[in-house]
Amino acid sequence: MKLPVAAAVICSLTVVVSAQEQKRRVPRYHFFHCTAVHRILAEAYKQIGDKVSEAVQREKADRRYQEGKKDLIEVGKDPSEAEGRVRKYVDKIIGELEADPGKIRVFVFGCNE
């Protein structure tokens, strides 16, 4: 009788532990990738003169940037690294968009809130 009870307790503990490990919903450094995407979109809207959309994209970029800085602090890294990480993603994304401009839809879809 004790064996099935012990098995049930062990199974329930593994479920609880795995649920606690699933806490993080956003992959690490995804905040900086999305910051870069929103900054690129803001610049595009600025060039065509759409001030409202530009402001919305800048606000989204700033929010993601702050979340990313909090994430760096959480893992014990220097938050001053944040701007360098964003710049790296901006350069990478611009390079990819030069090769395939339609890829912006994929980036925006990946950064939907």
PDB file of N, CA and C in Angstrom:
ATOM      1  N   MET A   1       0.815  -1.194   0.000  1.00  0.00           N
ATOM      2  CA  MET A   1       0.000   0.000   0.000  1.00  0.00           C
ATOM      3  C   MET A   1       0.862   1.263   0.000  1.00  0.00           C
ATOM      4  N   LYS A   2       1.993   1.208   0.679  1.00  0.00           N
ATOM      5  CA  LYS A   2       2.852   2.385   0.757  1.00  0.00           C
ATOM      6  C   LYS A   2       3.527   2.682  -0.576  1.00  0.00           C
ATOM      7  N   LEU A   3       3.786   1.679  -1.383  1.00  0.00           N
ATOM      8  CA  LEU A   3       4.471   1.872  -2.657  1.00  0.00           C
ATOM      9  C   LEU A   3       3.682   2.753  -3.620  1.00  0.00           C
ATOM     10  N   PRO A   4       2.380   2.529  -3.837  1.00  0.00           N
ATOM     11  CA  PRO A   4       1.630   3.416  -4.739  1.00  0.00           C
ATOM     12  C   PRO A   4       1.553   4.854  -4.222  1.00  0.00           C
ATOM     13  N   VAL A   5       1.455   5.018  -2.916  1.00  0.00           N
ATOM     14  CA  VAL A   5       1.406   6.367  -2.340  1.00  0.00           C
ATOM     15  C   VAL A   5       2.742   7.072  -2.561  1.00  0.00           C
ATOM     16  N   ALA A   6       3.827   6.357  -2.345  1.00  0.00           N
ATOM     17  CA  ALA A   6       5.152   6.943  -2.555  1.00  0.00           C
ATOM     18  C   ALA A   6       5.358   7.292  -4.023  1.00  0.00           C
ATOM     19  N   ALA A   7       4.893   6.429  -4.916  1.00  0.00           N
ATOM     20  CA  ALA A   7       5.017   6.705  -6.351  1.00  0.00           C
ATOM     21  C   ALA A   7       4.213   7.940  -6.735  1.00  0.00           C
ATOM     22  N   ALA A   8       3.024   8.084  -6.165  1.00  0.00           N
ATOM     23  CA  ALA A   8       2.183   9.250  -6.460  1.00  0.00           C
ATOM     24  C   ALA A   8       2.848  10.534  -5.966  1.00  0.00           C
ATOM     25  N   VAL A   9       3.455  10.476  -4.792  1.00  0.00           N
ATOM     26  CA  VAL A   9       4.140  11.652  -4.248  1.00  0.00           C
ATOM     27  C   VAL A   9       5.333  12.022  -5.122  1.00  0.00           C
ATOM     28  N   ILE A  10       6.104  11.043  -5.545  1.00  0.00           N
ATOM     29  CA  ILE A  10       7.271  11.312  -6.394  1.00  0.00           C
ATOM     30  C   ILE A  10       6.840  11.904  -7.724  1.00  0.00           C
ATOM     31  N   CYS A  11       5.788  11.356  -8.319  1.00  0.00           N
ATOM     32  CA  CYS A  11       5.296  11.890  -9.599  1.00  0.00           C
ATOM     33  C   CYS A  11       4.815  13.323  -9.448  1.00  0.00           C
ATOM     34  N   SER A  12       4.109  13.602  -8.357  1.00  0.00           N
ATOM     35  CA  SER A  12       3.610  14.965  -8.169  1.00  0.00           C
ATOM     36  C   SER A  12       4.757  15.934  -7.921  1.00  0.00           C
ATOM     37  N   LEU A  13       5.811  15.499  -7.256  1.00  0.00           N
ATOM     38  CA  LEU A  13       6.956  16.376  -7.022  1.00  0.00           C
ATOM     39  C   LEU A  13       7.661  16.719  -8.327  1.00  0.00           C
ATOM     40  N   THR A  14       7.788  15.763  -9.232  1.00  0.00           N
ATOM     41  CA  THR A  14       8.444  16.067 -10.503  1.00  0.00           C
ATOM     42  C   THR A  14       7.616  17.044 -11.323  1.00  0.00           C
ATOM     43  N   VAL A  15       6.298  16.965 -11.223  1.00  0.00           N
ATOM     44  CA  VAL A  15       5.436  17.915 -11.936  1.00  0.00           C
ATOM     45  C   VAL A  15       5.612  19.307 -11.359  1.00  0.00           C
ATOM     46  N   VAL A  16       5.670  19.413 -10.034  1.00  0.00           N
ATOM     47  CA  VAL A  16       5.843  20.717  -9.387  1.00  0.00           C
ATOM     48  C   VAL A  16       7.195  21.316  -9.754  1.00  0.00           C
ATOM     49  N   VAL A  17       8.247  20.513  -9.712  1.00  0.00           N
ATOM     50  CA  VAL A  17       9.582  21.011 -10.040  1.00  0.00           C
ATOM     51  C   VAL A  17       9.645  21.456 -11.491  1.00  0.00           C
ATOM     52  N   SER A  18       9.084  20.665 -12.405  1.00  0.00           N
ATOM     53  CA  SER A  18       9.137  21.056 -13.813  1.00  0.00           C
ATOM     54  C   SER A  18       8.302  22.303 -14.062  1.00  0.00           C
ATOM     55  N   ALA A  19       7.214  22.483 -13.331  1.00  0.00           N
ATOM     56  CA  ALA A  19       6.407  23.700 -13.488  1.00  0.00           C
ATOM     57  C   ALA A  19       7.189  24.916 -13.015  1.00  0.00           C
ATOM     58  N   GLN A  20       7.972  24.767 -11.960  1.00  0.00           N
ATOM     59  CA  GLN A  20       8.768  25.885 -11.476  1.00  0.00           C
ATOM     60  C   GLN A  20       9.887  26.221 -12.449  1.00  0.00           C
ATOM     61  N   GLU A  21      10.421  25.228 -13.133  1.00  0.00           N
ATOM     62  CA  GLU A  21      11.481  25.478 -14.100  1.00  0.00           C
ATOM     63  C   GLU A  21      10.955  26.168 -15.349  1.00  0.00           C
ATOM     64  N   GLN A  22       9.662  26.082 -15.615  1.00  0.00           N
ATOM     65  CA  GLN A  22       9.055  26.678 -16.798  1.00  0.00           C
ATOM     66  C   GLN A  22       8.690  28.143 -16.578  1.00  0.00           C
ATOM     67  N   LYS A  23       9.129  28.736 -15.491  1.00  0.00           N
ATOM     68  CA  LYS A  23       8.748  30.099 -15.127  1.00  0.00           C
ATOM     69  C   LYS A  23       9.057  31.115 -16.230  1.00  0.00           C
ATOM     70  N   ARG A  24      10.218  31.052 -16.851  1.00  0.00           N
ATOM     71  CA  ARG A  24      10.637  32.034 -17.851  1.00  0.00           C
ATOM     72  C   ARG A  24       9.880  31.804 -19.141  1.00  0.00           C
ATOM     73  N   ARG A  25       9.128  32.819 -19.592  1.00  0.00           N
ATOM     74  CA  ARG A  25       8.369  32.719 -20.832  1.00  0.00           C
ATOM     75  C   ARG A  25       9.126  33.324 -22.002  1.00  0.00           C
ATOM     76  N   VAL A  26       9.956  34.288 -21.740  1.00  0.00           N
ATOM     77  CA  VAL A  26      10.688  34.972 -22.806  1.00  0.00           C
ATOM     78  C   VAL A  26      12.124  34.470 -22.799  1.00  0.00           C
ATOM     79  N   PRO A  27      12.626  34.010 -23.935  1.00  0.00           N
ATOM     80  CA  PRO A  27      14.015  33.540 -23.976  1.00  0.00           C
ATOM     81  C   PRO A  27      14.996  34.655 -23.598  1.00  0.00           C
ATOM     82  N   ARG A  28      16.076  34.272 -22.979  1.00  0.00           N
ATOM     83  CA  ARG A  28      17.071  35.246 -22.555  1.00  0.00           C
ATOM     84  C   ARG A  28      17.582  36.043 -23.751  1.00  0.00           C
ATOM     85  N   TYR A  29      17.700  37.337 -23.573  1.00  0.00           N
ATOM     86  CA  TYR A  29      18.183  38.311 -24.564  1.00  0.00           C
ATOM     87  C   TYR A  29      17.191  38.558 -25.700  1.00  0.00           C
ATOM     88  N   HIS A  30      16.019  37.947 -25.654  1.00  0.00           N
ATOM     89  CA  HIS A  30      14.997  38.232 -26.666  1.00  0.00           C
ATOM     90  C   HIS A  30      14.547  39.688 -26.555  1.00  0.00           C
ATOM     91  N   PHE A  31      14.620  40.241 -25.352  1.00  0.00           N
ATOM     92  CA  PHE A  31      14.241  41.641 -25.156  1.00  0.00           C
ATOM     93  C   PHE A  31      15.081  42.555 -26.039  1.00  0.00           C
ATOM     94  N   PHE A  32      16.370  42.280 -26.147  1.00  0.00           N
ATOM     95  CA  PHE A  32      17.245  43.144 -26.933  1.00  0.00           C
ATOM     96  C   PHE A  32      16.997  42.971 -28.426  1.00  0.00           C
ATOM     97  N   HIS A  33      16.675  41.767 -28.832  1.00  0.00           N
ATOM     98  CA  HIS A  33      16.331  41.532 -30.235  1.00  0.00           C
ATOM     99  C   HIS A  33      15.078  42.334 -30.582  1.00  0.00           C
ATOM    100  N   CYS A  34      14.070  42.282 -29.730  1.00  0.00           N
ATOM    101  CA  CYS A  34      12.828  43.024 -29.990  1.00  0.00           C
ATOM    102  C   CYS A  34      13.052  44.531 -29.896  1.00  0.00           C
ATOM    103  N   THR A  35      13.927  44.964 -29.005  1.00  0.00           N
ATOM    104  CA  THR A  35      14.269  46.387 -28.944  1.00  0.00           C
ATOM    105  C   THR A  35      14.830  46.830 -30.281  1.00  0.00           C
ATOM    106  N   ALA A  36      15.715  46.026 -30.842  1.00  0.00           N
ATOM    107  CA  ALA A  36      16.310  46.357 -32.143  1.00  0.00           C
ATOM    108  C   ALA A  36      15.253  46.408 -33.238  1.00  0.00           C
ATOM    109  N   VAL A  37      14.340  45.445 -33.250  1.00  0.00           N
ATOM    110  CA  VAL A  37      13.278  45.420 -34.265  1.00  0.00           C
ATOM    111  C   VAL A  37      12.424  46.676 -34.166  1.00  0.00           C
ATOM    112  N   HIS A  38      12.031  47.036 -32.947  1.00  0.00           N
ATOM    113  CA  HIS A  38      11.175  48.216 -32.771  1.00  0.00           C
ATOM    114  C   HIS A  38      11.923  49.512 -33.102  1.00  0.00           C
ATOM    115  N   ARG A  39      13.216  49.564 -32.815  1.00  0.00           N
ATOM    116  CA  ARG A  39      13.987  50.760 -33.187  1.00  0.00           C
ATOM    117  C   ARG A  39      14.093  50.897 -34.705  1.00  0.00           C
ATOM    118  N   ILE A  40      14.281  49.793 -35.396  1.00  0.00           N
ATOM    119  CA  ILE A  40      14.351  49.826 -36.861  1.00  0.00           C
ATOM    120  C   ILE A  40      13.014  50.273 -37.435  1.00  0.00           C
ATOM    121  N   LEU A  41      11.923  49.745 -36.888  1.00  0.00           N
ATOM    122  CA  LEU A  41      10.597  50.164 -37.356  1.00  0.00           C
ATOM    123  C   LEU A  41      10.358  51.644 -37.080  1.00  0.00           C
ATOM    124  N   ALA A  42      10.788  52.120 -35.912  1.00  0.00           N
ATOM    125  CA  ALA A  42      10.613  53.539 -35.582  1.00  0.00           C
ATOM    126  C   ALA A  42      11.359  54.419 -36.577  1.00  0.00           C
ATOM    127  N   GLU A  43      12.569  54.021 -36.941  1.00  0.00           N
ATOM    128  CA  GLU A  43      13.326  54.792 -37.932  1.00  0.00           C
ATOM    129  C   GLU A  43      12.641  54.781 -39.293  1.00  0.00           C
ATOM    130  N   ALA A  44      12.070  53.634 -39.653  1.00  0.00           N
ATOM    131  CA  ALA A  44      11.358  53.548 -40.936  1.00  0.00           C
ATOM    132  C   ALA A  44      10.141  54.473 -40.933  1.00  0.00           C
ATOM    133  N   TYR A  45       9.396  54.475 -39.828  1.00  0.00           N
ATOM    134  CA  TYR A  45       8.231  55.363 -39.734  1.00  0.00           C
ATOM    135  C   TYR A  45       8.655  56.831 -39.726  1.00  0.00           C
ATOM    136  N   LYS A  46       9.802  57.114 -39.110  1.00  0.00           N
ATOM    137  CA  LYS A  46      10.302  58.488 -39.092  1.00  0.00           C
ATOM    138  C   LYS A  46      10.624  58.955 -40.507  1.00  0.00           C
ATOM    139  N   GLN A  47      11.213  58.079 -41.305  1.00  0.00           N
ATOM    140  CA  GLN A  47      11.580  58.438 -42.677  1.00  0.00           C
ATOM    141  C   GLN A  47      10.364  58.703 -43.554  1.00  0.00           C
ATOM    142  N   ILE A  48       9.248  58.006 -43.283  1.00  0.00           N
ATOM    143  CA  ILE A  48       8.057  58.259 -44.100  1.00  0.00           C
ATOM    144  C   ILE A  48       7.152  59.317 -43.484  1.00  0.00           C
ATOM    145  N   GLY A  49       7.490  59.803 -42.288  1.00  0.00           N
ATOM    146  CA  GLY A  49       6.759  60.902 -41.678  1.00  0.00           C
ATOM    147  C   GLY A  49       5.569  60.506 -40.824  1.00  0.00           C
ATOM    148  N   ASP A  50       5.449  59.249 -40.427  1.00  0.00           N
ATOM    149  CA  ASP A  50       4.339  58.790 -39.583  1.00  0.00           C
ATOM    150  C   ASP A  50       4.751  58.910 -38.114  1.00  0.00           C
ATOM    151  N   LYS A  51       4.458  60.074 -37.520  1.00  0.00           N
ATOM    152  CA  LYS A  51       4.930  60.365 -36.162  1.00  0.00           C
ATOM    153  C   LYS A  51       4.249  59.507 -35.101  1.00  0.00           C
ATOM    154  N   VAL A  52       2.977  59.171 -35.299  1.00  0.00           N
ATOM    155  CA  VAL A  52       2.256  58.367 -34.309  1.00  0.00           C
ATOM    156  C   VAL A  52       2.847  56.954 -34.240  1.00  0.00           C
ATOM    157  N   SER A  53       3.007  56.328 -35.389  1.00  0.00           N
ATOM    158  CA  SER A  53       3.579  54.975 -35.414  1.00  0.00           C
ATOM    159  C   SER A  53       5.025  54.977 -34.923  1.00  0.00           C
ATOM    160  N   GLU A  54       5.743  56.040 -35.245  1.00  0.00           N
ATOM    161  CA  GLU A  54       7.125  56.153 -34.758  1.00  0.00           C
ATOM    162  C   GLU A  54       7.145  56.185 -33.236  1.00  0.00           C
ATOM    163  N   ALA A  55       6.257  56.987 -32.646  1.00  0.00           N
ATOM    164  CA  ALA A  55       6.203  57.096 -31.186  1.00  0.00           C
ATOM    165  C   ALA A  55       5.821  55.761 -30.545  1.00  0.00           C
ATOM    166  N   VAL A  56       4.882  55.058 -31.149  1.00  0.00           N
ATOM    167  CA  VAL A  56       4.468  53.757 -30.618  1.00  0.00           C
ATOM    168  C   VAL A  56       5.640  52.779 -30.644  1.00  0.00           C
ATOM    169  N   GLN A  57       6.363  52.740 -31.746  1.00  0.00           N
ATOM    170  CA  GLN A  57       7.496  51.818 -31.860  1.00  0.00           C
ATOM    171  C   GLN A  57       8.619  52.194 -30.896  1.00  0.00           C
ATOM    172  N   ARG A  58       8.863  53.477 -30.717  1.00  0.00           N
ATOM    173  CA  ARG A  58       9.908  53.904 -29.769  1.00  0.00           C
ATOM    174  C   ARG A  58       9.521  53.529 -28.338  1.00  0.00           C
ATOM    175  N   GLU A  59       8.235  53.675 -28.018  1.00  0.00           N
ATOM    176  CA  GLU A  59       7.770  53.321 -26.680  1.00  0.00           C
ATOM    177  C   GLU A  59       7.926  51.817 -26.447  1.00  0.00           C
ATOM    178  N   LYS A  60       7.568  51.008 -27.440  1.00  0.00           N
ATOM    179  CA  LYS A  60       7.746  49.557 -27.327  1.00  0.00           C
ATOM    180  C   LYS A  60       9.226  49.207 -27.179  1.00  0.00           C
ATOM    181  N   ALA A  61      10.072  49.874 -27.943  1.00  0.00           N
ATOM    182  CA  ALA A  61      11.515  49.618 -27.864  1.00  0.00           C
ATOM    183  C   ALA A  61      12.047  49.967 -26.478  1.00  0.00           C
ATOM    184  N   ASP A  62      11.616  51.101 -25.934  1.00  0.00           N
ATOM    185  CA  ASP A  62      12.080  51.503 -24.606  1.00  0.00           C
ATOM    186  C   ASP A  62      11.619  50.517 -23.534  1.00  0.00           C
ATOM    187  N   ARG A  63      10.377  50.047 -23.652  1.00  0.00           N
ATOM    188  CA  ARG A  63       9.855  49.092 -22.677  1.00  0.00           C
ATOM    189  C   ARG A  63      10.650  47.790 -22.731  1.00  0.00           C
ATOM    190  N   ARG A  64      10.905  47.283 -23.927  1.00  0.00           N
ATOM    191  CA  ARG A  64      11.680  46.048 -24.076  1.00  0.00           C
ATOM    192  C   ARG A  64      13.117  46.232 -23.588  1.00  0.00           C
ATOM    193  N   TYR A  65      13.676  47.409 -23.834  1.00  0.00           N
ATOM    194  CA  TYR A  65      15.041  47.702 -23.402  1.00  0.00           C
ATOM    195  C   TYR A  65      15.134  47.651 -21.873  1.00  0.00           C
ATOM    196  N   GLN A  66      14.169  48.261 -21.199  1.00  0.00           N
ATOM    197  CA  GLN A  66      14.174  48.250 -19.735  1.00  0.00           C
ATOM    198  C   GLN A  66      13.989  46.835 -19.190  1.00  0.00           C
ATOM    199  N   GLU A  67      13.119  46.047 -19.836  1.00  0.00           N
ATOM    200  CA  GLU A  67      12.939  44.655 -19.415  1.00  0.00           C
ATOM    201  C   GLU A  67      14.237  43.869 -19.609  1.00  0.00           C
ATOM    202  N   GLY A  68      14.931  44.147 -20.692  1.00  0.00           N
ATOM    203  CA  GLY A  68      16.200  43.474 -20.946  1.00  0.00           C
ATOM    204  C   GLY A  68      17.264  43.835 -19.920  1.00  0.00           C
ATOM    205  N   LYS A  69      17.289  45.107 -19.520  1.00  0.00           N
ATOM    206  CA  LYS A  69      18.252  45.521 -18.489  1.00  0.00           C
ATOM    207  C   LYS A  69      17.945  44.826 -17.170  1.00  0.00           C
ATOM    208  N   LYS A  70      16.665  44.704 -16.829  1.00  0.00           N
ATOM    209  CA  LYS A  70      16.288  43.988 -15.607  1.00  0.00           C
ATOM    210  C   LYS A  70      16.729  42.530 -15.699  1.00  0.00           C
ATOM    211  N   ASP A  71      16.592  41.953 -16.885  1.00  0.00           N
ATOM    212  CA  ASP A  71      16.987  40.569 -17.106  1.00  0.00           C
ATOM    213  C   ASP A  71      18.495  40.401 -16.908  1.00  0.00           C
ATOM    214  N   LEU A  72      19.279  41.355 -17.397  1.00  0.00           N
ATOM    215  CA  LEU A  72      20.733  41.288 -17.196  1.00  0.00           C
ATOM    216  C   LEU A  72      21.083  41.348 -15.715  1.00  0.00           C
ATOM    217  N   ILE A  73      20.408  42.226 -14.982  1.00  0.00           N
ATOM    218  CA  ILE A  73      20.655  42.337 -13.545  1.00  0.00           C
ATOM    219  C   ILE A  73      20.285  41.028 -12.858  1.00  0.00           C
ATOM    220  N   GLU A  74      19.171  40.423 -13.297  1.00  0.00           N
ATOM    221  CA  GLU A  74      18.693  39.173 -12.711  1.00  0.00           C
ATOM    222  C   GLU A  74      19.715  38.050 -12.843  1.00  0.00           C
ATOM    223  N   VAL A  75      20.432  38.004 -13.953  1.00  0.00           N
ATOM    224  CA  VAL A  75      21.426  36.942 -14.146  1.00  0.00           C
ATOM    225  C   VAL A  75      22.819  37.358 -13.684  1.00  0.00           C
ATOM    226  N   GLY A  76      22.927  38.540 -13.092  1.00  0.00           N
ATOM    227  CA  GLY A  76      24.190  38.973 -12.519  1.00  0.00           C
ATOM    228  C   GLY A  76      25.165  39.599 -13.491  1.00  0.00           C
ATOM    229  N   LYS A  77      24.668  40.132 -14.594  1.00  0.00           N
ATOM    230  CA  LYS A  77      25.547  40.790 -15.564  1.00  0.00           C
ATOM    231  C   LYS A  77      25.393  42.296 -15.452  1.00  0.00           C
ATOM    232  N   ASP A  78      26.356  42.994 -15.987  1.00  0.00           N
ATOM    233  CA  ASP A  78      26.370  44.448 -15.936  1.00  0.00           C
ATOM    234  C   ASP A  78      25.321  45.016 -16.893  1.00  0.00           C
ATOM    235  N   PRO A  79      24.370  45.827 -16.395  1.00  0.00           N
ATOM    236  CA  PRO A  79      23.337  46.382 -17.276  1.00  0.00           C
ATOM    237  C   PRO A  79      23.878  47.377 -18.296  1.00  0.00           C
ATOM    238  N   SER A  80      25.120  47.817 -18.125  1.00  0.00           N
ATOM    239  CA  SER A  80      25.686  48.731 -19.119  1.00  0.00           C
ATOM    240  C   SER A  80      25.996  47.998 -20.433  1.00  0.00           C
ATOM    241  N   GLU A  81      25.938  46.661 -20.420  1.00  0.00           N
ATOM    242  CA  GLU A  81      26.126  45.871 -21.639  1.00  0.00           C
ATOM    243  C   GLU A  81      24.916  45.957 -22.561  1.00  0.00           C
ATOM    244  N   ALA A  82      23.807  46.461 -22.054  1.00  0.00           N
ATOM    245  CA  ALA A  82      22.538  46.417 -22.785  1.00  0.00           C
ATOM    246  C   ALA A  82      22.622  47.112 -24.142  1.00  0.00           C
ATOM    247  N   GLU A  83      23.166  48.304 -24.181  1.00  0.00           N
ATOM    248  CA  GLU A  83      23.196  49.051 -25.446  1.00  0.00           C
ATOM    249  C   GLU A  83      24.062  48.347 -26.485  1.00  0.00           C
ATOM    250  N   GLY A  84      25.140  47.746 -26.048  1.00  0.00           N
ATOM    251  CA  GLY A  84      25.988  46.998 -26.973  1.00  0.00           C
ATOM    252  C   GLY A  84      25.271  45.793 -27.564  1.00  0.00           C
ATOM    253  N   ARG A  85      24.482  45.127 -26.737  1.00  0.00           N
ATOM    254  CA  ARG A  85      23.718  43.982 -27.225  1.00  0.00           C
ATOM    255  C   ARG A  85      22.678  44.427 -28.249  1.00  0.00           C
ATOM    256  N   VAL A  86      22.002  45.536 -27.968  1.00  0.00           N
ATOM    257  CA  VAL A  86      20.997  46.050 -28.906  1.00  0.00           C
ATOM    258  C   VAL A  86      21.665  46.435 -30.221  1.00  0.00           C
ATOM    259  N   ARG A  87      22.794  47.116 -30.150  1.00  0.00           N
ATOM    260  CA  ARG A  87      23.504  47.537 -31.365  1.00  0.00           C
ATOM    261  C   ARG A  87      23.887  46.323 -32.210  1.00  0.00           C
ATOM    262  N   LYS A  88      24.327  45.242 -31.530  1.00  0.00           N
ATOM    263  CA  LYS A  88      24.693  44.013 -32.240  1.00  0.00           C
ATOM    264  C   LYS A  88      23.482  43.458 -32.998  1.00  0.00           C
ATOM    265  N   TYR A  89      22.329  43.446 -32.340  1.00  0.00           N
ATOM    266  CA  TYR A  89      21.113  42.943 -32.995  1.00  0.00           C
ATOM    267  C   TYR A  89      20.653  43.865 -34.117  1.00  0.00           C
ATOM    268  N   VAL A  90      20.761  45.180 -33.919  1.00  0.00           N
ATOM    269  CA  VAL A  90      20.365  46.125 -34.976  1.00  0.00           C
ATOM    270  C   VAL A  90      21.201  45.868 -36.224  1.00  0.00           C
ATOM    271  N   ASP A  91      22.506  45.756 -36.057  1.00  0.00           N
ATOM    272  CA  ASP A  91      23.387  45.507 -37.205  1.00  0.00           C
ATOM    273  C   ASP A  91      23.048  44.189 -37.898  1.00  0.00           C
ATOM    274  N   LYS A  92      22.802  43.154 -37.097  1.00  0.00           N
ATOM    275  CA  LYS A  92      22.484  41.839 -37.657  1.00  0.00           C
ATOM    276  C   LYS A  92      21.161  41.884 -38.425  1.00  0.00           C
ATOM    277  N   ILE A  93      20.144  42.505 -37.840  1.00  0.00           N
ATOM    278  CA  ILE A  93      18.824  42.549 -38.473  1.00  0.00           C
ATOM    279  C   ILE A  93      18.858  43.395 -39.736  1.00  0.00           C
ATOM    280  N   ILE A  94      19.556  44.522 -39.698  1.00  0.00           N
ATOM    281  CA  ILE A  94      19.654  45.365 -40.899  1.00  0.00           C
ATOM    282  C   ILE A  94      20.332  44.587 -42.024  1.00  0.00           C
ATOM    283  N   GLY A  95      21.362  43.828 -41.693  1.00  0.00           N
ATOM    284  CA  GLY A  95      22.018  42.998 -42.701  1.00  0.00           C
ATOM    285  C   GLY A  95      21.068  41.971 -43.304  1.00  0.00           C
ATOM    286  N   GLU A  96      20.255  41.351 -42.456  1.00  0.00           N
ATOM    287  CA  GLU A  96      19.294  40.364 -42.952  1.00  0.00           C
ATOM    288  C   GLU A  96      18.204  41.024 -43.786  1.00  0.00           C
ATOM    289  N   LEU A  97      17.788  42.231 -43.398  1.00  0.00           N
ATOM    290  CA  LEU A  97      16.736  42.925 -44.141  1.00  0.00           C
ATOM    291  C   LEU A  97      17.231  43.431 -45.487  1.00  0.00           C
ATOM    292  N   GLU A  98      18.509  43.757 -45.579  1.00  0.00           N
ATOM    293  CA  GLU A  98      19.062  44.160 -46.875  1.00  0.00           C
ATOM    294  C   GLU A  98      19.004  42.995 -47.858  1.00  0.00           C
ATOM    295  N   ALA A  99      19.203  41.788 -47.349  1.00  0.00           N
ATOM    296  CA  ALA A  99      19.136  40.605 -48.210  1.00  0.00           C
ATOM    297  C   ALA A  99      17.692  40.234 -48.549  1.00  0.00           C
ATOM    298  N   ASP A 100      16.783  40.391 -47.575  1.00  0.00           N
ATOM    299  CA  ASP A 100      15.378  40.018 -47.788  1.00  0.00           C
ATOM    300  C   ASP A 100      14.478  40.972 -47.003  1.00  0.00           C
ATOM    301  N   PRO A 101      14.012  42.073 -47.619  1.00  0.00           N
ATOM    302  CA  PRO A 101      13.184  43.057 -46.914  1.00  0.00           C
ATOM    303  C   PRO A 101      11.872  42.489 -46.364  1.00  0.00           C
ATOM    304  N   GLY A 102      11.360  41.438 -46.956  1.00  0.00           N
ATOM    305  CA  GLY A 102      10.115  40.843 -46.479  1.00  0.00           C
ATOM    306  C   GLY A 102      10.245  40.151 -45.134  1.00  0.00           C
ATOM    307  N   LYS A 103      11.472  39.965 -44.681  1.00  0.00           N
ATOM    308  CA  LYS A 103      11.716  39.290 -43.407  1.00  0.00           C
ATOM    309  C   LYS A 103      11.256  40.119 -42.211  1.00  0.00           C
ATOM    310  N   ILE A 104      10.997  41.402 -42.420  1.00  0.00           N
ATOM    311  CA  ILE A 104      10.565  42.254 -41.309  1.00  0.00           C
ATOM    312  C   ILE A 104       9.286  41.711 -40.689  1.00  0.00           C
ATOM    313  N   ARG A 105       8.426  41.108 -41.508  1.00  0.00           N
ATOM    314  CA  ARG A 105       7.184  40.534 -40.975  1.00  0.00           C
ATOM    315  C   ARG A 105       7.479  39.424 -39.974  1.00  0.00           C
ATOM    316  N   VAL A 106       8.488  38.626 -40.250  1.00  0.00           N
ATOM    317  CA  VAL A 106       8.868  37.544 -39.342  1.00  0.00           C
ATOM    318  C   VAL A 106       9.371  38.125 -38.026  1.00  0.00           C
ATOM    319  N   PHE A 107      10.205  39.159 -38.120  1.00  0.00           N
ATOM    320  CA  PHE A 107      10.741  39.778 -36.909  1.00  0.00           C
ATOM    321  C   PHE A 107       9.633  40.414 -36.074  1.00  0.00           C
ATOM    322  N   VAL A 108       8.719  41.113 -36.721  1.00  0.00           N
ATOM    323  CA  VAL A 108       7.624  41.765 -35.996  1.00  0.00           C
ATOM    324  C   VAL A 108       6.726  40.714 -35.360  1.00  0.00           C
ATOM    325  N   PHE A 109       6.432  39.647 -36.087  1.00  0.00           N
ATOM    326  CA  PHE A 109       5.596  38.576 -35.540  1.00  0.00           C
ATOM    327  C   PHE A 109       6.262  37.960 -34.313  1.00  0.00           C
ATOM    328  N   GLY A 110       7.563  37.783 -34.349  1.00  0.00           N
ATOM    329  CA  GLY A 110       8.287  37.210 -33.220  1.00  0.00           C
ATOM    330  C   GLY A 110       8.339  38.114 -32.007  1.00  0.00           C
ATOM    331  N   CYS A 111       8.092  39.394 -32.207  1.00  0.00           N
ATOM    332  CA  CYS A 111       8.159  40.354 -31.104  1.00  0.00           C
ATOM    333  C   CYS A 111       6.786  40.888 -30.710  1.00  0.00           C
ATOM    334  N   ASN A 112       5.722  40.255 -31.165  1.00  0.00           N
ATOM    335  CA  ASN A 112       4.384  40.703 -30.778  1.00  0.00           C
ATOM    336  C   ASN A 112       4.201  40.565 -29.284  1.00  0.00           C
ATOM    337  N   GLU A 113       3.508  41.503 -28.716  1.00  0.00           N
ATOM    338  CA  GLU A 113       3.279  41.486 -27.266  1.00  0.00           C
ATOM    339  C   GLU A 113       1.966  40.835 -26.941  1.00  0.00           C
TER     340      GLU A 113
END
